[in-house]
């Protein structure tokens, strides 16, 4: 029962923080619908089973089985994850990253900041989301334009703080790749 309520509370707290951030970023509807798939049995049951409280349960599921079925389900249904944005490239005949529309980059930014706040707790600083992003920069399969935009916003957060960063993000209206 402790893991059930621990996971539920973590998901709800995360969703609330993402919603608040999405409102500040000018995309409240994305925040309202953010991560609804986490309540599906495919994601919620492993989330409870592998609940850690200090990091994503997907990491524990991955450590146990070599993959996380919950994560594969999640990334395939939530367009704010860059992993969603890969497709078969007819020129190279390989799976390649696709540039994300800016609305989903905004939501991804909000998601990353909220996750840092949830998992870092009182230790959170505005440098944490950038530090986490930079740890895997050379290893992730993400479109270069999407990566550069997210990194720009994370650097702005690190250097200027939330208020200035959300003001900047709110002003951006262009739709990348559309």
N, C-alpha and C. Protein backbone atom coordinates (compact mmCIF):
# COMPACT_ATOMS: atom_id res chain seq x y z
N UNK A 1 0.81 -1.19 0.00
CA UNK A 1 0.00 0.00 0.00
C UNK A 1 0.87 1.27 0.00
N UNK A 2 2.01 1.20 0.69
CA UNK A 2 2.91 2.35 0.76
C UNK A 2 3.44 2.72 -0.62
N UNK A 3 3.80 1.70 -1.42
CA UNK A 3 4.30 1.95 -2.78
C UNK A 3 3.19 2.52 -3.67
N UNK A 4 1.97 2.00 -3.51
CA UNK A 4 0.83 2.48 -4.31
C UNK A 4 0.64 3.97 -4.09
N UNK A 5 0.51 4.37 -2.83
CA UNK A 5 0.26 5.78 -2.54
C UNK A 5 1.50 6.65 -2.78
N UNK A 6 2.68 6.08 -2.59
CA UNK A 6 3.91 6.81 -2.90
C UNK A 6 3.99 7.15 -4.38
N UNK A 7 3.71 6.14 -5.22
CA UNK A 7 3.75 6.37 -6.66
C UNK A 7 2.63 7.33 -7.09
N UNK A 8 1.43 7.09 -6.59
CA UNK A 8 0.30 7.97 -6.95
C UNK A 8 0.60 9.41 -6.58
N UNK A 9 1.09 9.63 -5.37
CA UNK A 9 1.39 10.98 -4.92
C UNK A 9 2.49 11.62 -5.78
N UNK A 10 3.50 10.84 -6.12
CA UNK A 10 4.59 11.36 -6.96
C UNK A 10 4.06 11.77 -8.33
N UNK A 11 3.24 10.93 -8.94
CA UNK A 11 2.67 11.25 -10.26
C UNK A 11 1.80 12.50 -10.17
N UNK A 12 0.96 12.57 -9.16
CA UNK A 12 0.07 13.73 -9.02
C UNK A 12 0.84 15.02 -8.74
N UNK A 13 1.85 14.94 -7.91
CA UNK A 13 2.67 16.13 -7.63
C UNK A 13 3.40 16.56 -8.90
N UNK A 14 3.93 15.60 -9.65
CA UNK A 14 4.62 15.91 -10.90
C UNK A 14 3.66 16.56 -11.90
N UNK A 15 2.49 15.94 -12.07
CA UNK A 15 1.51 16.49 -13.00
C UNK A 15 1.11 17.92 -12.62
N UNK A 16 0.95 18.18 -11.34
CA UNK A 16 0.58 19.52 -10.89
C UNK A 16 1.68 20.52 -11.24
N UNK A 17 2.93 20.16 -10.97
CA UNK A 17 4.05 21.07 -11.28
C UNK A 17 4.14 21.31 -12.79
N UNK A 18 3.96 20.26 -13.59
CA UNK A 18 4.00 20.44 -15.05
C UNK A 18 2.86 21.36 -15.48
N UNK A 19 1.67 21.18 -14.91
CA UNK A 19 0.54 22.04 -15.26
C UNK A 19 0.86 23.50 -14.95
N UNK A 20 1.38 23.76 -13.76
CA UNK A 20 1.74 25.13 -13.38
C UNK A 20 2.77 25.70 -14.34
N UNK A 21 3.79 24.91 -14.68
CA UNK A 21 4.81 25.37 -15.61
C UNK A 21 4.24 25.61 -17.00
N UNK A 22 3.37 24.71 -17.44
CA UNK A 22 2.77 24.87 -18.77
C UNK A 22 1.92 26.14 -18.83
N UNK A 23 1.24 26.47 -17.75
CA UNK A 23 0.48 27.72 -17.70
C UNK A 23 1.43 28.91 -17.85
N UNK A 24 2.56 28.87 -17.16
CA UNK A 24 3.56 29.94 -17.26
C UNK A 24 4.15 30.02 -18.66
N UNK A 25 4.22 28.87 -19.35
CA UNK A 25 4.79 28.82 -20.70
C UNK A 25 3.75 29.16 -21.77
N UNK A 26 2.50 29.35 -21.36
CA UNK A 26 1.45 29.72 -22.31
C UNK A 26 0.79 28.55 -23.00
N UNK A 27 0.92 27.33 -22.44
CA UNK A 27 0.32 26.14 -23.05
C UNK A 27 -0.46 25.35 -21.98
N UNK A 28 -1.47 25.97 -21.37
CA UNK A 28 -2.17 25.30 -20.26
C UNK A 28 -2.83 23.98 -20.64
N UNK A 29 -3.34 23.85 -21.86
CA UNK A 29 -3.99 22.60 -22.24
C UNK A 29 -3.01 21.44 -22.29
N UNK A 30 -1.78 21.72 -22.73
CA UNK A 30 -0.76 20.67 -22.73
C UNK A 30 -0.48 20.23 -21.29
N UNK A 31 -0.48 21.17 -20.39
CA UNK A 31 -0.25 20.84 -18.98
C UNK A 31 -1.38 20.04 -18.38
N UNK A 32 -2.60 20.36 -18.78
CA UNK A 32 -3.76 19.64 -18.26
C UNK A 32 -3.75 18.17 -18.70
N UNK A 33 -3.36 17.91 -19.95
CA UNK A 33 -3.38 16.55 -20.49
C UNK A 33 -2.06 15.82 -20.33
N UNK A 34 -1.08 16.49 -19.76
CA UNK A 34 0.27 15.93 -19.62
C UNK A 34 0.26 14.57 -18.91
N UNK A 35 0.91 13.59 -19.51
CA UNK A 35 1.18 12.28 -18.90
C UNK A 35 -0.06 11.52 -18.43
N UNK A 36 -1.18 11.69 -19.09
CA UNK A 36 -2.38 10.94 -18.69
C UNK A 36 -2.16 9.43 -18.84
N UNK A 37 -1.26 9.02 -19.71
CA UNK A 37 -1.01 7.59 -19.89
C UNK A 37 -0.41 6.94 -18.64
N UNK A 38 0.12 7.75 -17.73
CA UNK A 38 0.68 7.18 -16.49
C UNK A 38 -0.38 6.51 -15.63
N UNK A 39 -1.66 6.79 -15.90
CA UNK A 39 -2.74 6.17 -15.15
C UNK A 39 -3.26 4.91 -15.82
N UNK A 40 -2.70 4.56 -16.98
CA UNK A 40 -3.08 3.31 -17.64
C UNK A 40 -2.44 2.16 -16.86
N UNK A 41 -3.07 0.98 -16.86
CA UNK A 41 -2.48 -0.16 -16.14
C UNK A 41 -1.06 -0.49 -16.62
N UNK A 42 -0.80 -0.31 -17.90
CA UNK A 42 0.52 -0.63 -18.46
C UNK A 42 1.63 0.20 -17.81
N UNK A 43 1.33 1.41 -17.42
CA UNK A 43 2.33 2.27 -16.80
C UNK A 43 2.18 2.34 -15.28
N UNK A 44 0.94 2.36 -14.80
CA UNK A 44 0.73 2.57 -13.36
C UNK A 44 1.17 1.36 -12.53
N UNK A 45 0.84 0.16 -12.99
CA UNK A 45 1.18 -1.05 -12.22
C UNK A 45 2.70 -1.19 -12.06
N UNK A 46 3.49 -1.10 -13.16
CA UNK A 46 4.95 -1.15 -12.95
C UNK A 46 5.46 0.04 -12.13
N UNK A 47 4.79 1.19 -12.26
CA UNK A 47 5.18 2.36 -11.47
C UNK A 47 5.08 2.09 -9.98
N UNK A 48 4.02 1.38 -9.58
CA UNK A 48 3.85 1.00 -8.17
C UNK A 48 4.87 -0.08 -7.81
N UNK A 49 4.97 -1.09 -8.65
CA UNK A 49 5.86 -2.23 -8.36
C UNK A 49 7.32 -1.79 -8.19
N UNK A 50 7.76 -0.84 -9.02
CA UNK A 50 9.16 -0.42 -9.01
C UNK A 50 9.34 0.98 -8.40
N UNK A 51 8.38 1.42 -7.63
CA UNK A 51 8.46 2.74 -7.01
C UNK A 51 9.71 2.88 -6.15
N UNK A 52 10.42 3.98 -6.35
CA UNK A 52 11.65 4.25 -5.60
C UNK A 52 11.53 5.53 -4.76
N UNK A 53 10.81 6.51 -5.30
CA UNK A 53 10.65 7.77 -4.60
C UNK A 53 11.73 8.80 -4.90
N UNK A 54 12.91 8.34 -5.30
CA UNK A 54 14.02 9.26 -5.57
C UNK A 54 14.37 9.36 -7.05
N UNK A 55 13.82 8.49 -7.85
CA UNK A 55 14.03 8.51 -9.30
C UNK A 55 12.91 7.72 -9.97
N UNK A 56 12.89 7.75 -11.27
CA UNK A 56 11.81 7.12 -12.01
C UNK A 56 11.77 5.61 -11.77
N UNK A 57 10.57 5.05 -11.57
CA UNK A 57 10.44 3.60 -11.45
C UNK A 57 10.86 2.88 -12.73
N UNK A 58 10.86 3.60 -13.86
CA UNK A 58 11.30 3.00 -15.12
C UNK A 58 12.75 2.55 -15.03
N UNK A 59 13.55 3.27 -14.27
CA UNK A 59 14.96 2.89 -14.11
C UNK A 59 15.08 1.55 -13.39
N UNK A 60 14.27 1.34 -12.36
CA UNK A 60 14.30 0.07 -11.62
C UNK A 60 13.76 -1.07 -12.48
N UNK A 61 12.71 -0.81 -13.24
CA UNK A 61 12.18 -1.84 -14.14
C UNK A 61 13.22 -2.20 -15.19
N UNK A 62 13.92 -1.20 -15.70
CA UNK A 62 14.97 -1.42 -16.70
C UNK A 62 16.12 -2.22 -16.11
N UNK A 63 16.48 -1.93 -14.87
CA UNK A 63 17.56 -2.67 -14.20
C UNK A 63 17.17 -4.14 -14.02
N UNK A 64 15.92 -4.39 -13.76
CA UNK A 64 15.44 -5.77 -13.52
C UNK A 64 15.34 -6.59 -14.80
N UNK A 65 14.78 -5.99 -15.85
CA UNK A 65 14.49 -6.75 -17.07
C UNK A 65 15.37 -6.41 -18.27
N UNK A 66 16.13 -5.35 -18.16
CA UNK A 66 16.93 -4.91 -19.31
C UNK A 66 16.19 -3.93 -20.20
N UNK A 67 14.96 -3.64 -19.89
CA UNK A 67 14.14 -2.67 -20.62
C UNK A 67 12.99 -2.29 -19.70
N UNK A 68 12.31 -1.21 -20.05
CA UNK A 68 11.12 -0.81 -19.30
C UNK A 68 9.93 -0.78 -20.25
N UNK A 69 9.05 -1.73 -20.08
CA UNK A 69 7.84 -1.77 -20.91
C UNK A 69 6.98 -0.54 -20.64
N UNK A 70 6.93 -0.09 -19.40
CA UNK A 70 6.15 1.11 -19.05
C UNK A 70 6.69 2.32 -19.82
N UNK A 71 8.02 2.44 -19.89
CA UNK A 71 8.62 3.57 -20.60
C UNK A 71 8.33 3.50 -22.09
N UNK A 72 8.44 2.29 -22.68
CA UNK A 72 8.16 2.16 -24.11
C UNK A 72 6.71 2.55 -24.40
N UNK A 73 5.80 2.16 -23.52
CA UNK A 73 4.40 2.55 -23.66
C UNK A 73 4.27 4.06 -23.55
N UNK A 74 4.93 4.63 -22.55
CA UNK A 74 4.81 6.06 -22.26
C UNK A 74 5.35 6.93 -23.40
N UNK A 75 6.56 6.65 -23.85
CA UNK A 75 7.18 7.49 -24.88
C UNK A 75 6.45 7.39 -26.22
N UNK A 76 5.75 6.29 -26.44
CA UNK A 76 5.01 6.14 -27.68
C UNK A 76 3.66 6.83 -27.69
N UNK A 77 3.26 7.40 -26.57
CA UNK A 77 1.95 8.05 -26.46
C UNK A 77 2.02 9.51 -26.05
N UNK A 78 3.21 9.98 -25.75
CA UNK A 78 3.36 11.34 -25.23
C UNK A 78 4.35 12.12 -26.07
N UNK A 79 3.81 13.07 -26.84
CA UNK A 79 4.60 13.78 -27.84
C UNK A 79 5.59 14.78 -27.26
N UNK A 80 5.60 14.96 -25.96
CA UNK A 80 6.59 15.85 -25.35
C UNK A 80 7.91 15.14 -25.07
N UNK A 81 8.01 13.88 -25.43
CA UNK A 81 9.27 13.14 -25.30
C UNK A 81 9.94 13.07 -26.66
N UNK A 82 11.20 13.47 -26.70
CA UNK A 82 11.91 13.46 -27.99
C UNK A 82 11.99 12.05 -28.57
N UNK A 83 11.94 11.03 -27.72
CA UNK A 83 11.98 9.65 -28.20
C UNK A 83 10.77 9.30 -29.07
N UNK A 84 9.68 10.01 -28.88
CA UNK A 84 8.47 9.83 -29.70
C UNK A 84 8.77 10.22 -31.15
N UNK A 85 9.63 11.23 -31.31
CA UNK A 85 9.88 11.86 -32.59
C UNK A 85 11.03 11.22 -33.36
N UNK A 86 10.86 9.96 -33.69
CA UNK A 86 11.77 9.25 -34.58
C UNK A 86 10.92 8.59 -35.65
N UNK A 87 11.50 8.45 -36.83
CA UNK A 87 10.76 7.83 -37.92
C UNK A 87 11.76 7.24 -38.91
N UNK A 88 11.23 6.41 -39.76
CA UNK A 88 12.04 5.79 -40.81
C UNK A 88 12.40 6.87 -41.83
N UNK A 89 13.67 6.99 -42.12
CA UNK A 89 14.15 7.96 -43.09
C UNK A 89 14.34 7.24 -44.43
N UNK A 90 13.55 7.60 -45.44
CA UNK A 90 13.63 6.88 -46.71
C UNK A 90 14.97 7.07 -47.43
N UNK A 91 15.70 8.16 -47.13
CA UNK A 91 16.99 8.39 -47.78
C UNK A 91 18.09 7.51 -47.17
N UNK A 92 18.13 7.45 -45.84
CA UNK A 92 19.19 6.68 -45.18
C UNK A 92 18.77 5.24 -44.86
N UNK A 93 17.46 4.99 -44.95
CA UNK A 93 16.89 3.68 -44.62
C UNK A 93 17.19 3.27 -43.16
N UNK A 94 17.21 4.28 -42.29
CA UNK A 94 17.41 4.05 -40.85
C UNK A 94 16.37 4.86 -40.08
N UNK A 95 16.25 4.55 -38.81
CA UNK A 95 15.40 5.34 -37.93
C UNK A 95 16.18 6.59 -37.55
N UNK A 96 15.56 7.75 -37.74
CA UNK A 96 16.24 9.03 -37.50
C UNK A 96 15.35 9.94 -36.66
N UNK A 97 15.97 10.87 -35.93
CA UNK A 97 15.17 11.82 -35.16
C UNK A 97 14.49 12.83 -36.08
N UNK A 98 13.32 13.28 -35.66
CA UNK A 98 12.53 14.26 -36.38
C UNK A 98 12.44 15.51 -35.50
N UNK A 99 12.51 16.68 -36.12
CA UNK A 99 12.40 17.92 -35.37
C UNK A 99 11.02 18.03 -34.72
N UNK A 100 11.00 18.37 -33.44
CA UNK A 100 9.75 18.46 -32.69
C UNK A 100 9.07 19.81 -32.91
N UNK A 101 7.73 19.83 -33.02
CA UNK A 101 7.02 21.10 -33.00
C UNK A 101 7.28 21.82 -31.66
N UNK A 102 7.37 23.13 -31.72
CA UNK A 102 7.78 23.91 -30.55
C UNK A 102 6.85 23.73 -29.35
N UNK A 103 5.57 23.50 -29.57
CA UNK A 103 4.65 23.32 -28.45
C UNK A 103 5.05 22.13 -27.58
N UNK A 104 5.56 21.08 -28.22
CA UNK A 104 5.97 19.89 -27.46
C UNK A 104 7.35 20.08 -26.82
N UNK A 105 8.19 20.93 -27.43
CA UNK A 105 9.46 21.27 -26.79
C UNK A 105 9.18 22.08 -25.52
N UNK A 106 8.20 22.96 -25.61
CA UNK A 106 7.80 23.72 -24.42
C UNK A 106 7.34 22.77 -23.31
N UNK A 107 6.50 21.82 -23.66
CA UNK A 107 6.01 20.86 -22.66
C UNK A 107 7.16 20.01 -22.13
N UNK A 108 8.09 19.63 -23.00
CA UNK A 108 9.25 18.84 -22.56
C UNK A 108 10.08 19.65 -21.56
N UNK A 109 10.26 20.92 -21.81
CA UNK A 109 10.99 21.77 -20.87
C UNK A 109 10.27 21.78 -19.51
N UNK A 110 8.98 22.01 -19.54
CA UNK A 110 8.19 22.04 -18.30
C UNK A 110 8.28 20.70 -17.56
N UNK A 111 8.24 19.61 -18.29
CA UNK A 111 8.33 18.27 -17.72
C UNK A 111 9.69 18.05 -17.05
N UNK A 112 10.75 18.45 -17.71
CA UNK A 112 12.10 18.25 -17.16
C UNK A 112 12.32 19.07 -15.90
N UNK A 113 11.84 20.30 -15.89
CA UNK A 113 12.01 21.14 -14.71
C UNK A 113 11.19 20.56 -13.55
N UNK A 114 9.96 20.16 -13.84
CA UNK A 114 9.11 19.57 -12.79
C UNK A 114 9.73 18.28 -12.25
N UNK A 115 10.23 17.43 -13.12
CA UNK A 115 10.84 16.16 -12.67
C UNK A 115 12.06 16.45 -11.78
N UNK A 116 12.87 17.43 -12.16
CA UNK A 116 14.02 17.79 -11.33
C UNK A 116 13.56 18.25 -9.94
N UNK A 117 12.50 19.03 -9.91
CA UNK A 117 11.99 19.52 -8.62
C UNK A 117 11.47 18.37 -7.76
N UNK A 118 10.77 17.43 -8.39
CA UNK A 118 10.20 16.30 -7.64
C UNK A 118 11.32 15.40 -7.11
N UNK A 119 12.26 15.04 -7.96
CA UNK A 119 13.28 14.08 -7.54
C UNK A 119 14.42 14.71 -6.73
N UNK A 120 14.68 16.00 -6.92
CA UNK A 120 15.73 16.67 -6.14
C UNK A 120 15.19 17.21 -4.81
N UNK A 121 13.89 17.46 -4.77
CA UNK A 121 13.29 17.98 -3.54
C UNK A 121 13.95 19.28 -3.09
N UNK A 122 14.31 19.34 -1.84
CA UNK A 122 14.92 20.56 -1.28
C UNK A 122 16.29 20.86 -1.88
N UNK A 123 16.90 19.88 -2.50
CA UNK A 123 18.22 20.08 -3.12
C UNK A 123 18.14 20.70 -4.52
N UNK A 124 16.91 20.90 -5.02
CA UNK A 124 16.74 21.43 -6.38
C UNK A 124 17.36 22.82 -6.51
N UNK A 125 18.06 23.01 -7.63
CA UNK A 125 18.52 24.33 -8.04
C UNK A 125 18.15 24.49 -9.51
N UNK A 126 18.16 25.69 -10.00
CA UNK A 126 17.81 25.93 -11.39
C UNK A 126 18.90 25.44 -12.36
N UNK A 127 20.00 24.92 -11.83
CA UNK A 127 21.03 24.32 -12.65
C UNK A 127 20.78 22.83 -12.89
N UNK A 128 19.99 22.18 -12.01
CA UNK A 128 19.78 20.73 -12.10
C UNK A 128 19.24 20.26 -13.46
N UNK A 129 18.19 20.89 -14.01
CA UNK A 129 17.69 20.38 -15.30
C UNK A 129 18.75 20.44 -16.41
N UNK A 130 19.55 21.49 -16.44
CA UNK A 130 20.62 21.60 -17.45
C UNK A 130 21.69 20.54 -17.21
N UNK A 131 22.10 20.36 -15.97
CA UNK A 131 23.12 19.36 -15.65
C UNK A 131 22.66 17.96 -16.07
N UNK A 132 21.40 17.64 -15.79
CA UNK A 132 20.85 16.33 -16.16
C UNK A 132 20.84 16.18 -17.68
N UNK A 133 20.43 17.22 -18.38
CA UNK A 133 20.39 17.19 -19.84
C UNK A 133 21.79 16.99 -20.42
N UNK A 134 22.77 17.69 -19.88
CA UNK A 134 24.13 17.65 -20.43
C UNK A 134 24.82 16.30 -20.19
N UNK A 135 24.41 15.57 -19.15
CA UNK A 135 25.03 14.27 -18.86
C UNK A 135 24.95 13.31 -20.04
N UNK A 136 23.86 13.37 -20.79
CA UNK A 136 23.66 12.41 -21.88
C UNK A 136 23.62 13.08 -23.25
N UNK A 137 24.10 14.32 -23.33
CA UNK A 137 23.97 15.07 -24.58
C UNK A 137 24.48 14.33 -25.80
N UNK A 138 25.64 13.74 -25.74
CA UNK A 138 26.21 13.07 -26.90
C UNK A 138 25.63 11.70 -27.18
N UNK A 139 24.81 11.18 -26.29
CA UNK A 139 24.29 9.81 -26.45
C UNK A 139 22.83 9.74 -26.87
N UNK A 140 22.10 10.82 -26.77
CA UNK A 140 20.67 10.72 -27.07
C UNK A 140 20.39 10.90 -28.55
N UNK A 141 19.32 10.27 -29.00
CA UNK A 141 18.91 10.36 -30.40
C UNK A 141 17.80 11.40 -30.47
N UNK A 142 18.21 12.63 -30.74
CA UNK A 142 17.30 13.77 -30.77
C UNK A 142 17.71 14.66 -31.93
N UNK A 143 16.74 15.26 -32.59
CA UNK A 143 17.04 16.14 -33.71
C UNK A 143 17.90 17.31 -33.20
N UNK A 144 18.95 17.69 -33.94
CA UNK A 144 19.84 18.76 -33.46
C UNK A 144 19.14 20.08 -33.15
N UNK A 145 18.15 20.46 -33.97
CA UNK A 145 17.43 21.72 -33.73
C UNK A 145 16.63 21.64 -32.43
N UNK A 146 16.01 20.50 -32.19
CA UNK A 146 15.24 20.31 -30.96
C UNK A 146 16.18 20.34 -29.75
N UNK A 147 17.30 19.65 -29.86
CA UNK A 147 18.27 19.62 -28.78
C UNK A 147 18.80 21.01 -28.47
N UNK A 148 19.13 21.76 -29.51
CA UNK A 148 19.66 23.11 -29.33
C UNK A 148 18.64 24.03 -28.66
N UNK A 149 17.37 23.92 -29.06
CA UNK A 149 16.33 24.76 -28.48
C UNK A 149 16.13 24.44 -27.00
N UNK A 150 16.03 23.16 -26.68
CA UNK A 150 15.86 22.77 -25.28
C UNK A 150 17.07 23.21 -24.45
N UNK A 151 18.25 22.98 -24.97
CA UNK A 151 19.46 23.39 -24.24
C UNK A 151 19.49 24.90 -24.02
N UNK A 152 19.08 25.66 -25.03
CA UNK A 152 19.02 27.13 -24.90
C UNK A 152 18.12 27.53 -23.72
N UNK A 153 16.95 26.91 -23.64
CA UNK A 153 16.01 27.24 -22.56
C UNK A 153 16.53 26.79 -21.21
N UNK A 154 17.16 25.61 -21.16
CA UNK A 154 17.72 25.13 -19.89
C UNK A 154 18.87 26.01 -19.42
N UNK A 155 19.67 26.52 -20.36
CA UNK A 155 20.75 27.45 -20.01
C UNK A 155 20.17 28.77 -19.50
N UNK A 156 19.12 29.23 -20.15
CA UNK A 156 18.46 30.46 -19.71
C UNK A 156 17.92 30.30 -18.29
N UNK A 157 17.32 29.16 -18.02
CA UNK A 157 16.83 28.86 -16.67
C UNK A 157 17.98 28.90 -15.67
N UNK A 158 19.08 28.28 -16.02
CA UNK A 158 20.24 28.19 -15.14
C UNK A 158 20.84 29.57 -14.86
N UNK A 159 20.82 30.42 -15.87
CA UNK A 159 21.48 31.73 -15.75
C UNK A 159 20.55 32.85 -15.30
N UNK A 160 19.29 32.82 -15.74
CA UNK A 160 18.38 33.95 -15.48
C UNK A 160 17.21 33.62 -14.56
N UNK A 161 16.95 32.32 -14.34
CA UNK A 161 15.86 31.92 -13.45
C UNK A 161 14.56 31.66 -14.18
N UNK A 162 13.59 31.15 -13.41
CA UNK A 162 12.30 30.73 -13.97
C UNK A 162 11.50 31.87 -14.58
N UNK A 163 11.39 32.97 -13.87
CA UNK A 163 10.54 34.06 -14.34
C UNK A 163 10.96 34.54 -15.72
N UNK A 164 12.24 34.80 -15.91
CA UNK A 164 12.76 35.26 -17.19
C UNK A 164 12.61 34.17 -18.26
N UNK A 165 12.87 32.93 -17.90
CA UNK A 165 12.80 31.83 -18.87
C UNK A 165 11.38 31.62 -19.36
N UNK A 166 10.41 31.59 -18.45
CA UNK A 166 9.03 31.40 -18.89
C UNK A 166 8.53 32.60 -19.69
N UNK A 167 8.98 33.80 -19.37
CA UNK A 167 8.62 34.98 -20.16
C UNK A 167 9.12 34.79 -21.60
N UNK A 168 10.36 34.34 -21.72
CA UNK A 168 10.96 34.09 -23.04
C UNK A 168 10.20 33.00 -23.81
N UNK A 169 9.95 31.89 -23.15
CA UNK A 169 9.28 30.76 -23.80
C UNK A 169 7.86 31.13 -24.25
N UNK A 170 7.15 31.87 -23.42
CA UNK A 170 5.78 32.28 -23.73
C UNK A 170 5.72 33.08 -25.03
N UNK A 171 6.75 33.85 -25.31
CA UNK A 171 6.78 34.71 -26.50
C UNK A 171 6.98 33.93 -27.79
N UNK A 172 7.52 32.74 -27.69
CA UNK A 172 7.84 31.96 -28.89
C UNK A 172 6.57 31.32 -29.44
N UNK A 173 6.22 31.68 -30.64
CA UNK A 173 4.97 31.20 -31.25
C UNK A 173 5.22 30.30 -32.45
N UNK A 174 6.44 30.33 -32.99
CA UNK A 174 6.67 29.59 -34.25
C UNK A 174 6.46 28.09 -34.05
N UNK A 175 6.02 27.45 -35.09
CA UNK A 175 5.88 26.00 -35.08
C UNK A 175 6.99 25.42 -35.91
N UNK A 176 7.91 24.78 -35.23
CA UNK A 176 9.01 24.14 -35.93
C UNK A 176 8.46 23.03 -36.82
N UNK A 177 8.99 22.92 -38.01
CA UNK A 177 8.68 21.79 -38.89
C UNK A 177 7.24 21.80 -39.39
N UNK A 178 6.56 22.91 -39.31
CA UNK A 178 5.17 22.98 -39.80
C UNK A 178 4.96 24.26 -40.56
